[in-house]
Protein backbone atom coordinates (compact mmCIF):
# COMPACT_ATOMS: atom_id res chain seq x y z
CA UNK A 1 0.00 0.00 0.00
CA UNK A 2 1.38 3.39 -1.02
CA UNK A 3 1.04 5.92 1.79
CA UNK A 4 2.89 8.73 0.00
CA UNK A 5 0.87 11.70 -1.19
CA UNK A 6 0.43 12.38 -4.88
CA UNK A 7 3.34 14.21 -6.46
CA UNK A 8 2.78 17.75 -7.77
CA UNK A 9 3.16 19.34 -10.20
CA UNK A 10 1.86 16.73 -12.62
CA UNK A 11 -0.16 16.17 -15.77
CA UNK A 12 -3.44 14.25 -15.78
CA UNK A 13 -5.26 13.22 -18.94
CA UNK A 14 -8.97 12.53 -19.22
CA UNK A 15 -10.14 11.78 -22.74
CA UNK A 16 -8.96 14.43 -25.19
CA UNK A 17 -7.99 16.87 -22.40
CA UNK A 18 -4.81 17.04 -20.32
CA UNK A 19 -4.52 19.30 -17.30
CA UNK A 20 -1.41 20.50 -15.47
CA UNK A 21 -1.98 20.45 -11.71
CA UNK A 22 0.26 22.25 -9.23
CA UNK A 23 -1.76 21.02 -6.25
CA UNK A 24 -4.91 19.07 -5.42
CA UNK A 25 -7.75 20.47 -7.54
CA UNK A 26 -5.57 23.38 -8.71
CA UNK A 27 -5.01 23.14 -12.45
CA UNK A 28 -3.07 25.85 -14.24
CA UNK A 29 -3.15 24.75 -17.87
CA UNK A 30 -5.45 22.73 -20.07
CA UNK A 31 -4.37 21.03 -23.32
CA UNK A 32 -7.22 19.92 -25.56
CA UNK A 33 -6.58 17.53 -28.43
CA UNK A 34 -8.67 18.32 -31.49
CA UNK A 35 -8.71 15.66 -34.20
CA UNK A 36 -8.55 16.93 -37.77
CA UNK A 37 -8.36 15.11 -41.11
CA UNK A 38 -4.56 15.54 -41.38
CA UNK A 39 -3.89 14.76 -37.72
CA UNK A 40 -4.49 16.31 -34.32
CA UNK A 41 -3.72 19.76 -33.01
CA UNK A 42 -3.31 20.56 -29.33
CA UNK A 43 -4.82 23.81 -28.05
CA UNK A 44 -3.39 25.18 -24.81
CA UNK A 45 -5.20 27.61 -22.53
CA UNK A 46 -4.87 28.77 -18.98
CA UNK A 47 -7.43 26.83 -16.93
CA UNK A 48 -10.47 28.83 -15.94
CA UNK A 49 -9.40 31.76 -18.11
CA UNK A 50 -9.74 32.84 -21.70
CA UNK A 51 -5.94 33.10 -22.01
CA UNK A 52 -4.94 31.16 -25.12
CA UNK A 53 -1.32 30.04 -24.89
CA UNK A 54 -1.22 28.58 -28.40
CA UNK A 55 -1.87 25.60 -30.63
CA UNK A 56 0.68 22.90 -31.39
CA UNK A 57 1.19 19.83 -33.55
CA UNK A 58 2.19 17.55 -30.66
CA UNK A 59 1.19 17.14 -27.05
CA UNK A 60 4.87 17.26 -26.06
CA UNK A 61 5.28 20.70 -27.68
CA UNK A 62 2.11 21.90 -25.98
CA UNK A 63 3.35 20.80 -22.56
CA UNK A 64 6.74 22.44 -23.17
CA UNK A 65 4.90 25.69 -24.01
CA UNK A 66 3.07 25.45 -20.68
CA UNK A 67 6.37 25.18 -18.83
CA UNK A 68 7.72 28.25 -20.66
CA UNK A 69 4.51 30.22 -20.09
CA UNK A 70 4.47 29.43 -16.37
CA UNK A 71 8.14 30.43 -16.00
CA UNK A 72 7.43 33.66 -17.88
CA UNK A 73 4.44 34.48 -15.67
CA UNK A 74 6.48 33.84 -12.53
CA UNK A 75 9.35 35.99 -13.82
CA UNK A 76 7.14 38.95 -14.73
CA UNK A 77 4.84 38.74 -11.73
CA UNK A 78 7.36 37.98 -9.00
CA UNK A 79 6.35 35.48 -6.36
CA UNK A 80 2.64 35.32 -7.20
CA UNK A 81 0.98 34.10 -10.40
CA UNK A 82 -1.71 36.66 -11.22
CA UNK A 83 -5.25 35.41 -11.12
CA UNK A 84 -4.42 32.09 -9.48
CA UNK A 85 -3.34 33.50 -6.10
CA UNK A 86 -0.60 30.91 -5.83
CA UNK A 87 2.55 31.60 -3.89
CA UNK A 88 5.50 29.81 -5.47
CA UNK A 89 7.80 30.09 -2.43
PDB file of N, CA and C in Angstrom:
ATOM      1  N   UNK A   1       0.841  -1.178   0.000  1.00  0.00           N
ATOM      2  CA  UNK A   1       0.000   0.000   0.000  1.00  0.00           C
ATOM      3  C   UNK A   1       0.885   1.239   0.000  1.00  0.00           C
ATOM      4  N   UNK A   2       0.630   2.153  -0.911  1.00  0.00           N
ATOM      5  CA  UNK A   2       1.382   3.389  -1.019  1.00  0.00           C
ATOM      6  C   UNK A   2       0.766   4.435  -0.104  1.00  0.00           C
ATOM      7  N   UNK A   3       1.543   4.916   0.864  1.00  0.00           N
ATOM      8  CA  UNK A   3       1.041   5.922   1.793  1.00  0.00           C
ATOM      9  C   UNK A   3       1.549   7.310   1.453  1.00  0.00           C
ATOM     10  N   UNK A   4       2.388   7.423   0.409  1.00  0.00           N
ATOM     11  CA  UNK A   4       2.885   8.732   0.001  1.00  0.00           C
ATOM     12  C   UNK A   4       1.777   9.524  -0.675  1.00  0.00           C
ATOM     13  N   UNK A   5       1.833  10.843  -0.512  1.00  0.00           N
ATOM     14  CA  UNK A   5       0.874  11.699  -1.192  1.00  0.00           C
ATOM     15  C   UNK A   5       1.169  11.744  -2.675  1.00  0.00           C
ATOM     16  N   UNK A   6       0.240  12.257  -3.441  1.00  0.00           N
ATOM     17  CA  UNK A   6       0.428  12.381  -4.877  1.00  0.00           C
ATOM     18  C   UNK A   6       1.439  13.487  -5.159  1.00  0.00           C
ATOM     19  N   UNK A   7       2.300  13.248  -6.121  1.00  0.00           N
ATOM     20  CA  UNK A   7       3.344  14.213  -6.461  1.00  0.00           C
ATOM     21  C   UNK A   7       2.784  15.347  -7.322  1.00  0.00           C
ATOM     22  N   UNK A   8       3.150  16.557  -6.991  1.00  0.00           N
ATOM     23  CA  UNK A   8       2.784  17.748  -7.769  1.00  0.00           C
ATOM     24  C   UNK A   8       4.050  18.522  -8.049  1.00  0.00           C
ATOM     25  N   UNK A   9       4.136  19.202  -9.123  1.00  0.00           N
ATOM     26  CA  UNK A   9       3.158  19.339 -10.199  1.00  0.00           C
ATOM     27  C   UNK A   9       3.105  18.082 -11.057  1.00  0.00           C
ATOM     28  N   UNK A  10       2.004  17.902 -11.755  1.00  0.00           N
ATOM     29  CA  UNK A  10       1.862  16.732 -12.624  1.00  0.00           C
ATOM     30  C   UNK A  10       0.772  16.969 -13.662  1.00  0.00           C
ATOM     31  N   UNK A  11       0.843  16.154 -14.705  1.00  0.00           N
ATOM     32  CA  UNK A  11      -0.159  16.170 -15.768  1.00  0.00           C
ATOM     33  C   UNK A  11      -1.133  15.030 -15.549  1.00  0.00           C
ATOM     34  N   UNK A  12      -2.410  15.289 -15.795  1.00  0.00           N
ATOM     35  CA  UNK A  12      -3.442  14.251 -15.783  1.00  0.00           C
ATOM     36  C   UNK A  12      -4.214  14.361 -17.086  1.00  0.00           C
ATOM     37  N   UNK A  13      -4.509  13.223 -17.675  1.00  0.00           N
ATOM     38  CA  UNK A  13      -5.264  13.215 -18.937  1.00  0.00           C
ATOM     39  C   UNK A  13      -6.590  12.500 -18.728  1.00  0.00           C
ATOM     40  N   UNK A  14      -7.633  13.131 -19.243  1.00  0.00           N
ATOM     41  CA  UNK A  14      -8.967  12.533 -19.217  1.00  0.00           C
ATOM     42  C   UNK A  14      -9.574  12.738 -20.595  1.00  0.00           C
ATOM     43  N   UNK A  15      -9.645  11.669 -21.371  1.00  0.00           N
ATOM     44  CA  UNK A  15     -10.143  11.776 -22.743  1.00  0.00           C
ATOM     45  C   UNK A  15      -9.224  12.649 -23.579  1.00  0.00           C
ATOM     46  N   UNK A  16      -9.786  13.588 -24.322  1.00  0.00           N
ATOM     47  CA  UNK A  16      -8.956  14.432 -25.187  1.00  0.00           C
ATOM     48  C   UNK A  16      -8.329  15.635 -24.469  1.00  0.00           C
ATOM     49  N   UNK A  17      -8.471  15.711 -23.144  1.00  0.00           N
ATOM     50  CA  UNK A  17      -7.994  16.875 -22.401  1.00  0.00           C
ATOM     51  C   UNK A  17      -6.955  16.469 -21.353  1.00  0.00           C
ATOM     52  N   UNK A  18      -5.827  17.185 -21.359  1.00  0.00           N
ATOM     53  CA  UNK A  18      -4.809  17.038 -20.315  1.00  0.00           C
ATOM     54  C   UNK A  18      -4.825  18.305 -19.472  1.00  0.00           C
ATOM     55  N   UNK A  19      -4.595  18.148 -18.188  1.00  0.00           N
ATOM     56  CA  UNK A  19      -4.517  19.305 -17.297  1.00  0.00           C
ATOM     57  C   UNK A  19      -3.240  19.230 -16.479  1.00  0.00           C
ATOM     58  N   UNK A  20      -2.623  20.386 -16.267  1.00  0.00           N
ATOM     59  CA  UNK A  20      -1.414  20.505 -15.470  1.00  0.00           C
ATOM     60  C   UNK A  20      -1.818  20.980 -14.085  1.00  0.00           C
ATOM     61  N   UNK A  21      -1.609  20.132 -13.084  1.00  0.00           N
ATOM     62  CA  UNK A  21      -1.976  20.451 -11.710  1.00  0.00           C
ATOM     63  C   UNK A  21      -0.739  20.813 -10.904  1.00  0.00           C
ATOM     64  N   UNK A  22      -0.841  21.888 -10.125  1.00  0.00           N
ATOM     65  CA  UNK A  22       0.258  22.245  -9.229  1.00  0.00           C
ATOM     66  C   UNK A  22      -0.089  21.905  -7.782  1.00  0.00           C
ATOM     67  N   UNK A  23      -1.304  21.459  -7.562  1.00  0.00           N
ATOM     68  CA  UNK A  23      -1.758  21.024  -6.252  1.00  0.00           C
ATOM     69  C   UNK A  23      -3.100  20.330  -6.411  1.00  0.00           C
ATOM     70  N   UNK A  24      -3.609  19.742  -5.333  1.00  0.00           N
ATOM     71  CA  UNK A  24      -4.912  19.070  -5.424  1.00  0.00           C
ATOM     72  C   UNK A  24      -5.997  20.038  -5.897  1.00  0.00           C
ATOM     73  N   UNK A  25      -6.653  19.689  -6.957  1.00  0.00           N
ATOM     74  CA  UNK A  25      -7.753  20.469  -7.537  1.00  0.00           C
ATOM     75  C   UNK A  25      -7.335  21.852  -8.028  1.00  0.00           C
ATOM     76  N   UNK A  26      -6.029  22.097  -8.215  1.00  0.00           N
ATOM     77  CA  UNK A  26      -5.568  23.385  -8.714  1.00  0.00           C
ATOM     78  C   UNK A  26      -4.859  23.160 -10.046  1.00  0.00           C
ATOM     79  N   UNK A  27      -5.616  23.308 -11.129  1.00  0.00           N
ATOM     80  CA  UNK A  27      -5.006  23.143 -12.446  1.00  0.00           C
ATOM     81  C   UNK A  27      -4.677  24.518 -13.005  1.00  0.00           C
ATOM     82  N   UNK A  28      -3.540  24.591 -13.693  1.00  0.00           N
ATOM     83  CA  UNK A  28      -3.073  25.851 -14.237  1.00  0.00           C
ATOM     84  C   UNK A  28      -3.282  25.905 -15.743  1.00  0.00           C
ATOM     85  N   UNK A  29      -3.016  24.787 -16.427  1.00  0.00           N
ATOM     86  CA  UNK A  29      -3.145  24.755 -17.875  1.00  0.00           C
ATOM     87  C   UNK A  29      -4.007  23.586 -18.307  1.00  0.00           C
ATOM     88  N   UNK A  30      -4.641  23.781 -19.465  1.00  0.00           N
ATOM     89  CA  UNK A  30      -5.451  22.735 -20.075  1.00  0.00           C
ATOM     90  C   UNK A  30      -5.007  22.581 -21.517  1.00  0.00           C
ATOM     91  N   UNK A  31      -4.759  21.339 -21.935  1.00  0.00           N
ATOM     92  CA  UNK A  31      -4.374  21.031 -23.318  1.00  0.00           C
ATOM     93  C   UNK A  31      -5.469  20.159 -23.907  1.00  0.00           C
ATOM     94  N   UNK A  32      -6.138  20.675 -24.929  1.00  0.00           N
ATOM     95  CA  UNK A  32      -7.219  19.923 -25.562  1.00  0.00           C
ATOM     96  C   UNK A  32      -6.771  19.428 -26.927  1.00  0.00           C
ATOM     97  N   UNK A  33      -6.912  18.127 -27.140  1.00  0.00           N
ATOM     98  CA  UNK A  33      -6.582  17.529 -28.428  1.00  0.00           C
ATOM     99  C   UNK A  33      -7.797  17.617 -29.337  1.00  0.00           C
ATOM    100  N   UNK A  34      -7.597  18.197 -30.510  1.00  0.00           N
ATOM    101  CA  UNK A  34      -8.668  18.319 -31.491  1.00  0.00           C
ATOM    102  C   UNK A  34      -8.246  17.524 -32.724  1.00  0.00           C
ATOM    103  N   UNK A  35      -9.034  16.511 -33.050  1.00  0.00           N
ATOM    104  CA  UNK A  35      -8.710  15.661 -34.198  1.00  0.00           C
ATOM    105  C   UNK A  35      -9.182  16.309 -35.486  1.00  0.00           C
ATOM    106  N   UNK A  36      -8.256  16.391 -36.448  1.00  0.00           N
ATOM    107  CA  UNK A  36      -8.549  16.929 -37.773  1.00  0.00           C
ATOM    108  C   UNK A  36      -8.254  15.853 -38.814  1.00  0.00           C
ATOM    109  N   UNK A  37      -8.582  16.101 -40.051  1.00  0.00           N
ATOM    110  CA  UNK A  37      -8.357  15.113 -41.112  1.00  0.00           C
ATOM    111  C   UNK A  37      -6.877  14.780 -41.247  1.00  0.00           C
ATOM    112  N   UNK A  38      -5.996  15.770 -41.202  1.00  0.00           N
ATOM    113  CA  UNK A  38      -4.564  15.542 -41.381  1.00  0.00           C
ATOM    114  C   UNK A  38      -3.831  15.157 -40.114  1.00  0.00           C
ATOM    115  N   UNK A  39      -4.508  15.065 -39.014  1.00  0.00           N
ATOM    116  CA  UNK A  39      -3.894  14.758 -37.720  1.00  0.00           C
ATOM    117  C   UNK A  39      -4.472  15.662 -36.649  1.00  0.00           C
ATOM    118  N   UNK A  40      -3.972  15.535 -35.449  1.00  0.00           N
ATOM    119  CA  UNK A  40      -4.490  16.308 -34.324  1.00  0.00           C
ATOM    120  C   UNK A  40      -3.716  17.599 -34.124  1.00  0.00           C
ATOM    121  N   UNK A  41      -4.399  18.585 -33.529  1.00  0.00           N
ATOM    122  CA  UNK A  41      -3.723  19.762 -33.005  1.00  0.00           C
ATOM    123  C   UNK A  41      -4.024  19.813 -31.512  1.00  0.00           C
ATOM    124  N   UNK A  42      -3.167  20.465 -30.780  1.00  0.00           N
ATOM    125  CA  UNK A  42      -3.309  20.561 -29.334  1.00  0.00           C
ATOM    126  C   UNK A  42      -3.411  22.032 -28.965  1.00  0.00           C
ATOM    127  N   UNK A  43      -4.552  22.421 -28.397  1.00  0.00           N
ATOM    128  CA  UNK A  43      -4.820  23.811 -28.048  1.00  0.00           C
ATOM    129  C   UNK A  43      -4.599  23.974 -26.547  1.00  0.00           C
ATOM    130  N   UNK A  44      -3.747  24.949 -26.201  1.00  0.00           N
ATOM    131  CA  UNK A  44      -3.386  25.177 -24.807  1.00  0.00           C
ATOM    132  C   UNK A  44      -4.018  26.472 -24.329  1.00  0.00           C
ATOM    133  N   UNK A  45      -4.658  26.405 -23.156  1.00  0.00           N
ATOM    134  CA  UNK A  45      -5.198  27.607 -22.535  1.00  0.00           C
ATOM    135  C   UNK A  45      -4.952  27.540 -21.039  1.00  0.00           C
ATOM    136  N   UNK A  46      -4.973  28.704 -20.423  1.00  0.00           N
ATOM    137  CA  UNK A  46      -4.867  28.766 -18.976  1.00  0.00           C
ATOM    138  C   UNK A  46      -6.208  28.307 -18.409  1.00  0.00           C
ATOM    139  N   UNK A  47      -6.193  27.385 -17.483  1.00  0.00           N
ATOM    140  CA  UNK A  47      -7.433  26.834 -16.932  1.00  0.00           C
ATOM    141  C   UNK A  47      -8.266  27.923 -16.267  1.00  0.00           C
ATOM    142  N   UNK A  48      -9.546  27.897 -16.548  1.00  0.00           N
ATOM    143  CA  UNK A  48     -10.472  28.831 -15.937  1.00  0.00           C
ATOM    144  C   UNK A  48     -10.349  30.249 -16.475  1.00  0.00           C
ATOM    145  N   UNK A  49      -9.595  30.428 -17.533  1.00  0.00           N
ATOM    146  CA  UNK A  49      -9.400  31.756 -18.106  1.00  0.00           C
ATOM    147  C   UNK A  49      -9.547  31.663 -19.619  1.00  0.00           C
ATOM    148  N   UNK A  50      -9.663  32.795 -20.251  1.00  0.00           N
ATOM    149  CA  UNK A  50      -9.744  32.839 -21.704  1.00  0.00           C
ATOM    150  C   UNK A  50      -8.368  33.052 -22.323  1.00  0.00           C
ATOM    151  N   UNK A  51      -7.308  32.893 -21.529  1.00  0.00           N
ATOM    152  CA  UNK A  51      -5.943  33.103 -22.013  1.00  0.00           C
ATOM    153  C   UNK A  51      -5.507  31.935 -22.892  1.00  0.00           C
ATOM    154  N   UNK A  52      -5.419  32.174 -24.187  1.00  0.00           N
ATOM    155  CA  UNK A  52      -4.942  31.157 -25.119  1.00  0.00           C
ATOM    156  C   UNK A  52      -3.423  31.228 -25.146  1.00  0.00           C
ATOM    157  N   UNK A  53      -2.768  30.112 -24.851  1.00  0.00           N
ATOM    158  CA  UNK A  53      -1.316  30.040 -24.887  1.00  0.00           C
ATOM    159  C   UNK A  53      -0.854  29.760 -26.312  1.00  0.00           C
ATOM    160  N   UNK A  54      -1.570  28.874 -27.022  1.00  0.00           N
ATOM    161  CA  UNK A  54      -1.224  28.580 -28.402  1.00  0.00           C
ATOM    162  C   UNK A  54      -1.787  27.254 -28.855  1.00  0.00           C
ATOM    163  N   UNK A  55      -1.484  26.903 -30.102  1.00  0.00           N
ATOM    164  CA  UNK A  55      -1.873  25.595 -30.632  1.00  0.00           C
ATOM    165  C   UNK A  55      -0.636  24.950 -31.232  1.00  0.00           C
ATOM    166  N   UNK A  56      -0.538  23.622 -31.074  1.00  0.00           N
ATOM    167  CA  UNK A  56       0.683  22.899 -31.388  1.00  0.00           C
ATOM    168  C   UNK A  56       0.365  21.599 -32.108  1.00  0.00           C
ATOM    169  N   UNK A  57       1.371  21.061 -32.791  1.00  0.00           N
ATOM    170  CA  UNK A  57       1.193  19.827 -33.552  1.00  0.00           C
ATOM    171  C   UNK A  57       1.409  18.578 -32.717  1.00  0.00           C
ATOM    172  N   UNK A  58       1.999  18.716 -31.513  1.00  0.00           N
ATOM    173  CA  UNK A  58       2.193  17.547 -30.656  1.00  0.00           C
ATOM    174  C   UNK A  58       1.886  17.917 -29.214  1.00  0.00           C
ATOM    175  N   UNK A  59       1.486  16.905 -28.458  1.00  0.00           N
ATOM    176  CA  UNK A  59       1.195  17.140 -27.045  1.00  0.00           C
ATOM    177  C   UNK A  59       2.474  17.521 -26.300  1.00  0.00           C
ATOM    178  N   UNK A  60       3.591  16.934 -26.696  1.00  0.00           N
ATOM    179  CA  UNK A  60       4.873  17.264 -26.064  1.00  0.00           C
ATOM    180  C   UNK A  60       5.194  18.747 -26.227  1.00  0.00           C
ATOM    181  N   UNK A  61       5.033  19.274 -27.434  1.00  0.00           N
ATOM    182  CA  UNK A  61       5.280  20.699 -27.685  1.00  0.00           C
ATOM    183  C   UNK A  61       4.327  21.571 -26.872  1.00  0.00           C
ATOM    184  N   UNK A  62       3.091  21.146 -26.753  1.00  0.00           N
ATOM    185  CA  UNK A  62       2.107  21.899 -25.983  1.00  0.00           C
ATOM    186  C   UNK A  62       2.505  21.956 -24.511  1.00  0.00           C
ATOM    187  N   UNK A  63       2.939  20.837 -23.966  1.00  0.00           N
ATOM    188  CA  UNK A  63       3.346  20.803 -22.562  1.00  0.00           C
ATOM    189  C   UNK A  63       4.602  21.640 -22.329  1.00  0.00           C
ATOM    190  N   UNK A  64       5.531  21.614 -23.284  1.00  0.00           N
ATOM    191  CA  UNK A  64       6.736  22.440 -23.167  1.00  0.00           C
ATOM    192  C   UNK A  64       6.367  23.922 -23.182  1.00  0.00           C
ATOM    193  N   UNK A  65       5.361  24.298 -23.968  1.00  0.00           N
ATOM    194  CA  UNK A  65       4.903  25.689 -24.010  1.00  0.00           C
ATOM    195  C   UNK A  65       4.307  26.095 -22.661  1.00  0.00           C
ATOM    196  N   UNK A  66       3.625  25.170 -22.000  1.00  0.00           N
ATOM    197  CA  UNK A  66       3.066  25.453 -20.682  1.00  0.00           C
ATOM    198  C   UNK A  66       4.177  25.752 -19.677  1.00  0.00           C
ATOM    199  N   UNK A  67       5.240  24.969 -19.727  1.00  0.00           N
ATOM    200  CA  UNK A  67       6.369  25.180 -18.825  1.00  0.00           C
ATOM    201  C   UNK A  67       6.972  26.561 -19.069  1.00  0.00           C
ATOM    202  N   UNK A  68       7.159  26.929 -20.335  1.00  0.00           N
ATOM    203  CA  UNK A  68       7.715  28.247 -20.664  1.00  0.00           C
ATOM    204  C   UNK A  68       6.782  29.364 -20.216  1.00  0.00           C
ATOM    205  N   UNK A  69       5.479  29.193 -20.450  1.00  0.00           N
ATOM    206  CA  UNK A  69       4.510  30.224 -20.086  1.00  0.00           C
ATOM    207  C   UNK A  69       4.472  30.419 -18.573  1.00  0.00           C
ATOM    208  N   UNK A  70       4.492  29.331 -17.825  1.00  0.00           N
ATOM    209  CA  UNK A  70       4.466  29.426 -16.367  1.00  0.00           C
ATOM    210  C   UNK A  70       5.724  30.126 -15.854  1.00  0.00           C
ATOM    211  N   UNK A  71       6.890  29.784 -16.400  1.00  0.00           N
ATOM    212  CA  UNK A  71       8.141  30.435 -16.002  1.00  0.00           C
ATOM    213  C   UNK A  71       8.101  31.919 -16.329  1.00  0.00           C
ATOM    214  N   UNK A  72       7.531  32.262 -17.480  1.00  0.00           N
ATOM    215  CA  UNK A  72       7.432  33.661 -17.883  1.00  0.00           C
ATOM    216  C   UNK A  72       6.501  34.431 -16.949  1.00  0.00           C
ATOM    217  N   UNK A  73       5.376  33.827 -16.605  1.00  0.00           N
ATOM    218  CA  UNK A  73       4.440  34.482 -15.674  1.00  0.00           C
ATOM    219  C   UNK A  73       5.096  34.706 -14.321  1.00  0.00           C
ATOM    220  N   UNK A  74       5.813  33.708 -13.826  1.00  0.00           N
ATOM    221  CA  UNK A  74       6.482  33.838 -12.531  1.00  0.00           C
ATOM    222  C   UNK A  74       7.547  34.929 -12.582  1.00  0.00           C
ATOM    223  N   UNK A  75       8.281  35.006 -13.683  1.00  0.00           N
ATOM    224  CA  UNK A  75       9.348  35.991 -13.820  1.00  0.00           C
ATOM    225  C   UNK A  75       8.778  37.411 -13.835  1.00  0.00           C
ATOM    226  N   UNK A  76       7.702  37.612 -14.584  1.00  0.00           N
ATOM    227  CA  UNK A  76       7.135  38.952 -14.726  1.00  0.00           C
ATOM    228  C   UNK A  76       6.251  39.364 -13.552  1.00  0.00           C
ATOM    229  N   UNK A  77       5.757  38.413 -12.809  1.00  0.00           N
ATOM    230  CA  UNK A  77       4.839  38.744 -11.727  1.00  0.00           C
ATOM    231  C   UNK A  77       5.440  38.490 -10.345  1.00  0.00           C
ATOM    232  N   UNK A  78       6.709  38.202 -10.291  1.00  0.00           N
ATOM    233  CA  UNK A  78       7.355  37.984  -9.002  1.00  0.00           C
ATOM    234  C   UNK A  78       6.949  36.669  -8.392  1.00  0.00           C
ATOM    235  N   UNK A  79       6.640  36.702  -7.118  1.00  0.00           N
ATOM    236  CA  UNK A  79       6.352  35.481  -6.362  1.00  0.00           C
ATOM    237  C   UNK A  79       4.949  34.936  -6.585  1.00  0.00           C
ATOM    238  N   UNK A  80       4.031  35.765  -7.083  1.00  0.00           N
ATOM    239  CA  UNK A  80       2.640  35.321  -7.201  1.00  0.00           C
ATOM    240  C   UNK A  80       2.199  35.275  -8.652  1.00  0.00           C
ATOM    241  N   UNK A  81       1.521  34.228  -9.051  1.00  0.00           N
ATOM    242  CA  UNK A  81       0.980  34.102 -10.398  1.00  0.00           C
ATOM    243  C   UNK A  81      -0.382  34.790 -10.407  1.00  0.00           C
ATOM    244  N   UNK A  82      -0.487  35.848 -11.211  1.00  0.00           N
ATOM    245  CA  UNK A  82      -1.707  36.662 -11.218  1.00  0.00           C
ATOM    246  C   UNK A  82      -2.930  35.829 -11.564  1.00  0.00           C
ATOM    247  N   UNK A  83      -3.990  36.074 -10.838  1.00  0.00           N
ATOM    248  CA  UNK A  83      -5.252  35.407 -11.124  1.00  0.00           C
ATOM    249  C   UNK A  83      -5.418  34.071 -10.451  1.00  0.00           C
ATOM    250  N   UNK A  84      -4.301  33.393 -10.127  1.00  0.00           N
ATOM    251  CA  UNK A  84      -4.422  32.093  -9.477  1.00  0.00           C
ATOM    252  C   UNK A  84      -4.202  32.210  -7.979  1.00  0.00           C
ATOM    253  N   UNK A  85      -3.585  33.309  -7.517  1.00  0.00           N
ATOM    254  CA  UNK A  85      -3.344  33.498  -6.103  1.00  0.00           C
ATOM    255  C   UNK A  85      -2.432  32.457  -5.506  1.00  0.00           C
ATOM    256  N   UNK A  86      -1.487  31.955  -6.295  1.00  0.00           N
ATOM    257  CA  UNK A  86      -0.601  30.911  -5.831  1.00  0.00           C
ATOM    258  C   UNK A  86       0.745  31.491  -5.472  1.00  0.00           C
ATOM    259  N   UNK A  87       1.235  31.160  -4.315  1.00  0.00           N
ATOM    260  CA  UNK A  87       2.552  31.604  -3.892  1.00  0.00           C
ATOM    261  C   UNK A  87       3.538  30.515  -4.230  1.00  0.00           C
ATOM    262  N   UNK A  88       4.575  30.825  -4.998  1.00  0.00           N
ATOM    263  CA  UNK A  88       5.502  29.811  -5.473  1.00  0.00           C
ATOM    264  C   UNK A  88       6.701  29.619  -4.544  1.00  0.00           C
ATOM    265  N   UNK A  89       6.677  30.256  -3.379  1.00  0.00           N
ATOM    266  CA  UNK A  89       7.801  30.094  -2.433  1.00  0.00           C
ATOM    267  C   UNK A  89       7.870  28.708  -1.891  1.00  0.00           C
TER     268      UNK A  89
END
